[in-house]
Amino acid sequence: MNFETLLLNRLKAAQQEVALEALRRPQTRDAFEYGLRVGIVEGYEAAINVLLTLINEEQYGDKDL
């Protein structure tokens, strides 16, 4: 398993853990908590997208620059 796959798997596992924890044990069930939890999951998604973009640019990017 290469390093990029390891990073991607860890990020996806952490994202899943946060989402499942929010469903299992909601705290105050208000709009703030909902926004906070959604923001955390979206933050993980953004990190995953950045990682995938960097991997794609490294593999298929223009090497002449």
Protein backbone atom coordinates (compact mmCIF):
# COMPACT_ATOMS: atom_id res chain seq x y z
CA MET A 1 0.00 0.00 0.00
CA ASN A 2 1.48 3.34 -1.00
CA PHE A 3 1.61 6.43 1.18
CA GLU A 4 -1.19 8.26 -0.67
CA THR A 5 -3.58 5.36 -0.21
CA LEU A 6 -2.71 5.18 3.47
CA LEU A 7 -3.46 8.90 3.90
CA LEU A 8 -6.72 8.63 2.01
CA ASN A 9 -7.85 5.63 4.05
CA ARG A 10 -7.03 7.37 7.34
CA LEU A 11 -8.92 10.52 6.33
CA LYS A 12 -11.97 8.53 5.22
CA ALA A 13 -11.93 6.50 8.46
CA ALA A 14 -11.71 9.66 10.58
CA GLN A 15 -14.54 11.25 8.59
CA GLN A 16 -16.70 8.18 9.08
CA GLU A 17 -15.93 8.08 12.80
CA VAL A 18 -17.04 11.70 13.27
CA ALA A 19 -20.23 11.16 11.30
CA LEU A 20 -21.16 7.98 13.17
CA GLU A 21 -20.40 9.55 16.55
CA ALA A 22 -22.69 12.46 15.71
CA LEU A 23 -25.50 10.04 14.91
CA ARG A 24 -24.92 7.84 17.95
CA ARG A 25 -24.59 10.56 20.58
CA PRO A 26 -26.10 13.89 19.63
CA GLN A 27 -25.33 16.51 22.28
CA THR A 28 -27.75 19.42 22.29
CA ARG A 29 -29.60 18.77 19.02
CA ASP A 30 -29.63 22.41 18.02
CA ALA A 31 -28.68 24.24 14.84
CA PHE A 32 -25.20 25.09 16.11
CA GLU A 33 -24.30 21.48 16.81
CA TYR A 34 -25.67 20.39 13.45
CA GLY A 35 -23.62 23.04 11.67
CA LEU A 36 -20.52 22.14 13.64
CA ARG A 37 -20.79 18.44 12.83
CA VAL A 38 -21.54 19.07 9.16
CA GLY A 39 -18.60 21.47 9.01
CA ILE A 40 -16.22 18.90 10.47
CA VAL A 41 -17.33 16.24 7.99
CA GLU A 42 -17.02 18.75 5.12
CA GLY A 43 -13.55 19.68 6.34
CA TYR A 44 -12.49 16.08 6.03
CA GLU A 45 -14.05 15.96 2.57
CA ALA A 46 -12.10 19.08 1.55
CA ALA A 47 -8.85 17.53 2.81
CA ILE A 48 -9.57 14.36 0.83
CA ASN A 49 -10.24 16.39 -2.31
CA VAL A 50 -6.99 18.33 -1.90
CA LEU A 51 -5.08 15.07 -1.46
CA LEU A 52 -6.66 13.57 -4.57
CA THR A 53 -5.92 16.72 -6.57
CA LEU A 54 -2.28 16.71 -5.48
CA ILE A 55 -1.91 13.04 -6.38
CA ASN A 56 -3.53 13.64 -9.77
CA GLU A 57 -1.28 16.63 -10.50
CA GLU A 58 1.81 14.67 -9.49
CA GLN A 59 0.94 11.70 -11.69
CA TYR A 60 -0.56 13.42 -14.71
CA GLY A 61 0.55 17.03 -14.44
CA ASP A 62 2.70 18.87 -16.96
CA LYS A 63 6.28 18.09 -16.01
CA ASP A 64 7.70 20.75 -18.38
CA LEU A 65 6.91 23.68 -16.13
